[in-house]
Protein backbone atom coordinates (compact mmCIF):
# COMPACT_ATOMS: atom_id res chain seq x y z
CA MET A 1 -41.99 -27.43 29.00
CA ASP A 2 -40.36 -25.53 26.06
CA GLY A 3 -35.73 -24.50 27.21
CA PRO A 4 -34.85 -21.81 26.28
CA LYS A 5 -34.21 -20.71 22.32
CA PRO A 6 -30.42 -19.12 22.09
CA SER A 7 -31.15 -18.69 17.95
CA SER A 8 -33.64 -16.54 18.49
CA ASP A 9 -31.68 -14.43 21.10
CA ALA A 10 -28.72 -14.23 18.88
CA ALA A 11 -30.59 -13.11 15.78
CA ALA A 12 -31.89 -10.18 18.00
CA SER A 13 -28.52 -8.96 19.51
CA PRO A 14 -26.50 -6.32 17.14
CA GLN A 15 -23.64 -7.80 15.25
CA THR A 16 -20.20 -6.81 16.48
CA PRO A 17 -18.48 -4.23 14.11
CA HIS A 18 -16.20 -5.77 11.54
CA LEU A 19 -12.53 -4.02 11.98
CA ILE A 20 -10.83 -3.40 9.11
CA LYS A 21 -7.31 -1.42 8.96
CA ILE A 22 -6.77 1.22 6.28
CA VAL A 23 -3.20 2.52 6.27
CA VAL A 24 -2.17 5.61 4.29
CA VAL A 25 1.26 6.24 2.71
CA GLY A 26 3.11 8.71 0.23
CA ASP A 27 5.41 11.30 0.00
CA GLY A 28 5.17 14.30 2.58
CA ALA A 29 2.57 17.06 1.47
CA VAL A 30 0.41 15.06 -1.21
CA GLY A 31 -2.58 15.47 0.95
CA LYS A 32 -2.84 12.38 3.00
CA THR A 33 -4.21 13.92 6.03
CA THR A 34 -6.68 16.29 4.64
CA LEU A 35 -7.79 13.35 2.63
CA LEU A 36 -8.53 11.14 6.39
CA LEU A 37 -10.07 14.83 7.58
CA ARG A 38 -12.69 15.41 4.78
CA HIS A 39 -13.64 11.79 5.26
CA VAL A 40 -13.98 11.43 8.89
CA GLU A 41 -14.82 14.88 10.02
CA ASN A 42 -15.80 16.91 6.76
CA ARG A 43 -13.27 19.36 7.23
CA PHE A 44 -10.39 20.81 5.25
CA PRO A 45 -7.31 22.34 7.15
CA GLU A 46 -6.23 26.00 6.95
CA THR A 47 -2.40 25.24 7.43
CA TYR A 48 0.01 22.63 6.67
CA VAL A 49 1.59 20.48 9.81
CA PRO A 50 3.81 17.17 8.82
CA THR A 51 2.35 14.73 10.50
CA VAL A 52 4.10 12.23 12.48
CA PHE A 53 1.42 9.45 13.45
CA GLU A 54 -2.47 9.57 13.36
CA ASN A 55 -5.24 7.21 13.46
CA TYR A 56 -8.93 8.19 12.74
CA TYR A 57 -11.92 5.93 13.05
CA SER A 58 -15.17 5.71 11.18
CA GLU A 59 -18.11 3.28 11.65
CA VAL A 60 -20.11 2.16 8.78
CA VAL A 61 -22.34 -0.15 7.11
CA VAL A 62 -21.67 -1.80 3.74
CA ASP A 63 -24.13 -4.35 2.70
CA GLY A 64 -25.68 -4.56 5.85
CA ILE A 65 -22.28 -5.34 7.50
CA PRO A 66 -21.50 -2.87 10.25
CA VAL A 67 -17.76 -2.27 10.08
CA ASN A 68 -15.34 -0.12 12.13
CA MET A 69 -12.61 1.49 9.56
CA GLY A 70 -9.37 2.42 11.16
CA LEU A 71 -7.23 4.41 9.25
CA TRP A 72 -3.69 5.08 9.89
CA ASP A 73 -2.18 8.43 8.80
CA THR A 74 1.52 7.75 8.25
CA ALA A 75 4.42 10.62 7.73
CA GLY A 76 5.90 10.66 4.30
CA GLN A 77 9.13 11.61 5.33
CA GLU A 78 12.41 9.58 5.17
CA ASP A 79 13.69 10.74 8.89
CA PHE A 80 10.20 8.60 9.75
CA ASP A 81 11.06 5.55 7.97
CA ARG A 82 11.32 3.11 10.76
CA LEU A 83 8.14 4.48 12.77
CA ARG A 84 6.20 4.59 9.54
CA SER A 85 6.72 0.54 9.58
CA LEU A 86 5.57 -0.37 13.14
CA SER A 87 1.85 1.00 11.43
CA TYR A 88 1.44 -1.44 8.69
CA ASN A 89 0.66 -4.61 11.14
CA ASP A 90 -2.49 -6.45 10.53
CA THR A 91 -2.93 -4.27 7.24
CA ASN A 92 -6.35 -5.28 5.57
CA LEU A 93 -5.27 -2.36 2.42
CA VAL A 94 -3.32 0.27 1.80
CA LEU A 95 -3.77 3.47 -0.07
CA ILE A 96 -1.11 4.99 -2.48
CA VAL A 97 -1.61 8.64 -2.23
CA TYR A 98 0.19 11.03 -4.75
CA SER A 99 -0.71 14.39 -5.86
CA VAL A 100 -1.76 15.86 -9.66
CA ASP A 101 0.32 18.58 -9.29
CA SER A 102 3.50 16.48 -8.35
CA PRO A 103 4.82 14.23 -11.00
CA SER A 104 7.62 13.22 -8.78
CA SER A 105 5.14 12.14 -5.80
CA LEU A 106 3.93 9.43 -8.81
CA ALA A 107 7.18 8.61 -9.42
CA ASN A 108 7.71 7.63 -6.06
CA VAL A 109 4.98 5.36 -5.40
CA GLN A 110 7.22 2.88 -8.06
CA SER A 111 10.58 3.19 -6.39
CA LYS A 112 9.82 3.90 -3.06
CA TRP A 113 5.94 2.87 -1.90
CA VAL A 114 4.94 0.25 -3.22
CA PRO A 115 8.61 -1.83 -2.69
CA GLU A 116 7.72 -0.78 1.12
CA VAL A 117 3.96 -1.81 1.50
CA LYS A 118 4.72 -5.25 -0.15
CA HIS A 119 8.04 -5.41 2.47
CA HIS A 120 5.77 -4.99 5.06
CA VAL A 121 1.99 -5.89 4.07
CA LYS A 122 2.35 -9.40 1.76
CA ASP A 123 -1.07 -9.80 0.94
CA ALA A 124 -3.33 -6.35 1.33
CA PRO A 125 -4.66 -4.87 -1.88
CA TYR A 126 -3.84 -0.86 -2.66
CA ILE A 127 -5.78 1.37 -4.67
CA LEU A 128 -3.56 4.58 -5.95
CA VAL A 129 -5.65 7.70 -5.02
CA GLY A 130 -4.90 11.22 -7.02
CA THR A 131 -5.37 14.08 -4.89
CA LYS A 132 -5.76 17.77 -5.55
CA ALA A 133 -7.43 17.31 -8.64
CA ASP A 134 -9.12 20.65 -7.75
CA LEU A 135 -5.36 21.71 -8.78
CA ARG A 136 -6.13 20.44 -12.77
CA LYS A 137 -7.01 23.74 -14.06
CA ASP A 138 -5.41 25.91 -11.42
CA GLU A 139 -3.61 28.61 -13.66
CA HIS A 140 -1.29 29.56 -11.08
CA THR A 141 -0.29 25.70 -10.64
CA LEU A 142 0.03 24.71 -14.23
CA GLU A 143 2.08 27.80 -14.26
CA LYS A 144 4.49 26.57 -11.69
CA LEU A 145 4.77 23.26 -13.63
CA ARG A 146 5.52 24.44 -16.80
CA ALA A 147 8.76 26.65 -15.34
CA ARG A 148 9.74 23.49 -13.61
CA ASN A 149 8.94 21.94 -17.41
CA GLN A 150 6.53 19.92 -15.63
CA LYS A 151 2.56 18.72 -16.18
CA ILE A 152 0.25 17.72 -14.08
CA VAL A 153 -0.17 14.37 -13.68
CA GLU A 154 -3.51 13.28 -15.98
CA LEU A 155 -5.42 9.90 -14.77
CA ASP A 156 -4.29 8.02 -17.61
CA VAL A 157 -0.90 8.18 -16.69
CA ALA A 158 -2.24 7.41 -13.07
CA ALA A 159 -4.09 4.12 -14.49
CA ALA A 160 -1.12 3.27 -17.01
CA THR A 161 1.25 3.51 -13.44
CA ALA A 162 -2.23 1.35 -11.10
CA LYS A 163 -1.79 -1.59 -13.81
CA GLU A 164 2.47 -1.66 -13.51
CA ILE A 165 2.26 -2.06 -9.85
CA GLY A 166 -0.82 -4.23 -9.44
CA ALA A 167 -3.19 -1.97 -7.48
CA HIS A 168 -6.50 -2.43 -7.83
CA CYS A 169 -7.50 0.77 -9.73
CA VAL A 170 -7.04 4.22 -9.27
CA MET A 171 -9.05 6.89 -7.74
CA GLU A 172 -8.56 10.54 -7.63
CA CYS A 173 -10.51 13.24 -5.42
CA SER A 174 -10.72 16.84 -3.98
CA ALA A 175 -10.62 17.19 -0.47
CA LEU A 176 -10.44 21.17 -0.57
CA THR A 177 -13.93 20.35 -2.24
CA GLY A 178 -14.77 16.72 -1.17
CA VAL A 179 -15.44 15.34 -4.66
CA GLY A 180 -14.50 12.21 -4.97
CA VAL A 181 -13.42 11.11 -1.02
CA LYS A 182 -16.26 9.51 -0.28
CA GLU A 183 -15.67 6.72 -2.85
CA ILE A 184 -12.45 6.01 -2.40
CA PHE A 185 -13.55 4.63 1.42
CA ASP A 186 -16.35 3.18 -0.12
CA GLU A 187 -14.58 0.99 -2.62
CA ALA A 188 -11.89 0.56 -0.12
CA LEU A 189 -13.89 -1.45 2.04
CA LYS A 190 -15.43 -3.30 -0.54
CA VAL A 191 -11.91 -4.19 -2.02
CA VAL A 192 -11.89 -5.72 1.72
CA LEU A 193 -14.82 -7.15 2.27
CA THR A 194 -15.23 -9.17 -0.99
CA LYS A 195 -11.23 -10.37 -0.29
CA GLN A 196 -12.48 -11.78 2.74
CA GLY A 197 -16.20 -13.32 1.10
CA LEU A 198 -18.42 -11.60 2.97
CA ILE A 199 -19.53 -9.94 0.03
CA LYS A 200 -19.80 -10.86 -3.61
CA SER A 201 -17.32 -9.46 -6.19
CA LYS A 202 -19.52 -7.49 -9.18
CA SER A 203 -16.24 -8.46 -11.51
CA LYS A 204 -12.95 -9.79 -11.88
CA SER A 205 -10.17 -9.30 -13.56
CA LYS A 206 -7.96 -11.64 -15.23
CA ALA A 207 -5.10 -10.22 -13.69
CA GLY A 208 -6.50 -10.27 -10.13
CA THR A 209 -6.97 -6.25 -10.50
CA SER A 210 -9.19 -3.72 -11.90
CA ASN A 211 -9.45 -0.34 -13.40
CA GLU A 212 -12.86 -0.10 -13.32
CA CYS A 213 -13.09 2.45 -10.37
CA CYS A 214 -10.80 4.93 -12.25
CA THR A 215 -12.53 8.35 -12.17
CA ILE A 216 -11.80 11.49 -13.61
CA LEU A 217 -12.62 14.67 -11.68
């Protein structure tokens, strides 16, 4: 008499979702929360409310692998530096966010955010994310920047920063229109799953970073 076949039962049971934690950091008001709300809830908030700390969750399947993606929103203001440090534990990837209409937010990526990330997260990759790409051709925005003797952040400038800081790549999006948002999180998941050996890498860079996901909107 044949015994039970546990291997068949195991094959028939659903896979346990793979947990991936992504932390989002950057200056206050660059659009971190709106980026997450557009991705998770497909909505754009009409009013700005400074974030203290929020978590969002999204279940997806990447190359046949079920993933439970935890998205950790953080406050960029200096008052929350100590609280924000608690969010980095067990992080798999960091999205470092700047806004294309704020050159100072890109400068702070190098002066503040990368040092902070490297201090708290030793080996997690990070992607540089430019938000508010819809403002690139907005005349009112351009006029305000000219009045301050500033320019919109062009993608080639951000790409140079991404290379300097060792980011996987730089990507742009607009939470207002939704353009480019999904691609950022798709890329983030692929980076983590590739690093963990669960999916195969399509390309490798000699420097350990790649700007092939660089996108212009």
